[in-house]
Each structure stands twice: as structure tokens, then as C-alpha cells.
Amino acid sequence: LGFSLNWVGPGTCDVSGLGRNFVSRQLLTAQGWDEAKSIVAQKHAAGHNYQLLDFAHRRISNFEVAHDKVSEKVIDQAFFHANQYQTLEVPGQITGNSSLHRLARARQLPVPRT
């Protein structure tokens, strides 16, 4: 089991949720896919983007979290993520020019075949 992380900004903070670094540390203790998913789905103070990788069962999912909302996208084809929400509707999210430009460029490129 592995994971990677990306910053995303929901625009507001809810102090009753966990900080992303606390959630990331909990992920290090996950014994399996379902436990990792439940850790990611905890209420966040702000938000974060996680990619879970299950090497034994050859699966990957991308999770976007904002406070108590979670979106899971099963990755079964090429997928690119920059530092903004793409699968979860988050009003007032913080976006940057760098992310907007990277997403626009990724859309122009041909779909990878390997």
C-alpha cells in the first residue's frame, strides 16, 4: 500500500477537522485499502488530495477531500492532477495560475498509451 499527496485549497478552514499532515501520518499505519480509505475520509480542517496505490491488487484511486466531503476517482486510464479540485465541487477554492496552466497543457497533450 502506498500513497502520494497534493495540496488543494478549499478556501475556508473548519477547526473541528484534522490537519492534512495528521491524516498523512495516520495513513502510514493503514493495514489495508479499506482502512486507508476511511483515514482519508475523515473530516479535514481544510482539504487535501490523496492518491492511494494498492500494489497487491493493482489499483489506484484519487481522492479529493474538503472538510467533510470526499470524492473518489478510480484511476483506470491516464489522469493528471494539479493543485486544484477537479472531481469535487468546492465553492471558493483557491486556484493558482500555475495549476491552471498545467491543466490546460495536459489537456493539449495526446493520451499516453503506456
Protein backbone atom coordinates (compact mmCIF):
# COMPACT_ATOMS: atom_id res chain seq x y z
CA LEU A 1 0.00 0.00 0.00
CA GLY A 2 1.32 3.43 -0.89
CA PHE A 3 0.12 6.98 -1.20
CA SER A 4 1.08 10.35 -2.59
CA LEU A 5 -0.25 13.80 -1.77
CA ASN A 6 -1.13 17.12 -3.41
CA TRP A 7 -2.15 20.38 -1.81
CA VAL A 8 -5.57 21.77 -2.72
CA GLY A 9 -7.23 24.77 -1.10
CA PRO A 10 -10.92 24.80 -0.23
CA GLY A 11 -10.81 28.49 0.72
CA THR A 12 -12.12 28.05 4.29
CA CYS A 13 -10.98 26.28 7.45
CA ASP A 14 -13.08 24.23 9.87
CA VAL A 15 -11.16 23.84 13.13
CA SER A 16 -13.22 20.77 14.09
CA GLY A 17 -11.44 18.78 11.35
CA LEU A 18 -7.94 17.31 11.18
CA GLY A 19 -4.97 18.93 9.51
CA ARG A 20 -3.70 17.17 6.39
CA ASN A 21 -0.37 16.26 7.98
CA PHE A 22 -2.14 14.40 10.80
CA VAL A 23 -4.15 12.47 8.24
CA SER A 24 -0.98 11.67 6.28
CA ARG A 25 0.70 10.31 9.40
CA GLN A 26 -2.32 8.10 10.08
CA LEU A 27 -2.06 6.74 6.53
CA LEU A 28 1.38 5.37 7.42
CA THR A 29 -0.34 2.99 9.87
CA ALA A 30 -3.02 1.69 7.46
CA GLN A 31 -3.06 -2.09 7.20
CA GLY A 32 -5.12 -2.23 4.00
CA TRP A 33 -7.10 -0.42 1.33
CA ASP A 34 -10.35 -0.04 3.28
CA GLU A 35 -8.56 1.31 6.34
CA ALA A 36 -6.62 3.80 4.19
CA LYS A 37 -9.86 4.97 2.56
CA SER A 38 -11.51 5.52 5.96
CA ILE A 39 -8.48 7.51 7.14
CA VAL A 40 -8.61 9.74 4.04
CA ALA A 41 -12.37 10.25 4.51
CA GLN A 42 -12.03 11.77 7.99
CA LYS A 43 -13.19 15.35 8.39
CA HIS A 44 -10.40 17.74 7.41
CA ALA A 45 -9.77 21.24 8.73
CA ALA A 46 -9.25 22.33 5.13
CA GLY A 47 -8.68 19.81 2.37
CA HIS A 48 -6.17 17.70 0.52
CA ASN A 49 -5.67 15.43 -2.48
CA TYR A 50 -4.53 11.83 -1.95
CA GLN A 51 -3.62 9.06 -4.35
CA LEU A 52 -3.87 5.58 -2.84
CA LEU A 53 -1.97 2.75 -4.53
CA ASP A 54 -2.67 -0.91 -3.78
CA PHE A 55 0.26 -2.82 -5.27
CA ALA A 56 -1.07 -6.28 -4.32
CA HIS A 57 -4.40 -5.76 -6.11
CA ARG A 58 -3.10 -3.38 -8.82
CA ARG A 59 -5.45 -0.48 -8.16
CA ILE A 60 -5.13 3.28 -7.77
CA SER A 61 -7.69 5.85 -6.67
CA ASN A 62 -7.51 9.62 -6.46
CA PHE A 63 -9.29 11.24 -3.51
CA GLU A 64 -10.19 14.90 -3.13
CA VAL A 65 -11.23 15.99 0.35
CA ALA A 66 -12.72 19.29 1.53
CA HIS A 67 -13.86 19.36 5.16
CA ASP A 68 -16.41 16.51 5.38
CA LYS A 69 -16.80 15.98 1.61
CA VAL A 70 -14.83 13.27 -0.22
CA SER A 71 -14.64 12.35 -3.88
CA GLU A 72 -13.02 9.12 -5.11
CA LYS A 73 -11.96 8.65 -8.72
CA VAL A 74 -10.81 5.16 -9.64
CA ILE A 75 -7.82 5.54 -11.93
CA ASP A 76 -8.22 3.18 -14.89
CA GLN A 77 -6.72 5.44 -17.55
CA ALA A 78 -4.29 8.37 -17.75
CA PHE A 79 -5.15 11.03 -15.18
CA PHE A 80 -3.39 14.30 -14.34
CA HIS A 81 -3.95 16.30 -11.17
CA ALA A 82 -2.70 19.79 -10.35
CA ASN A 83 -3.26 21.74 -7.17
CA GLN A 84 -6.97 22.38 -7.56
CA TYR A 85 -10.15 20.38 -7.12
CA GLN A 86 -11.25 18.59 -10.28
CA THR A 87 -13.74 15.94 -9.15
CA LEU A 88 -15.20 17.58 -6.02
CA GLU A 89 -17.30 20.75 -6.24
CA VAL A 90 -15.73 23.19 -3.78
CA PRO A 91 -17.07 26.76 -3.90
CA GLY A 92 -14.41 29.38 -3.23
CA GLN A 93 -11.47 27.04 -3.80
CA ILE A 94 -8.05 28.64 -4.06
CA THR A 95 -6.55 28.26 -7.54
CA GLY A 96 -3.28 29.47 -8.96
CA ASN A 97 -2.06 30.34 -12.43
CA SER A 98 0.49 27.52 -12.34
CA SER A 99 -2.22 24.89 -11.81
CA LEU A 100 -4.47 26.41 -14.45
CA HIS A 101 -1.62 26.42 -16.99
CA ARG A 102 -0.53 22.84 -16.18
CA LEU A 103 -4.10 21.54 -16.51
CA ALA A 104 -4.57 23.38 -19.81
CA ARG A 105 -1.30 21.97 -21.15
CA ALA A 106 -2.16 18.42 -20.03
CA ARG A 107 -5.45 18.65 -21.96
CA GLN A 108 -3.49 19.53 -25.15
CA LEU A 109 -1.19 16.50 -24.96
CA PRO A 110 -2.05 13.15 -26.54
CA VAL A 111 -3.32 10.45 -24.18
CA PRO A 112 -0.41 8.23 -23.08
CA ARG A 113 -0.55 4.65 -24.35
CA THR A 114 1.74 3.07 -21.76
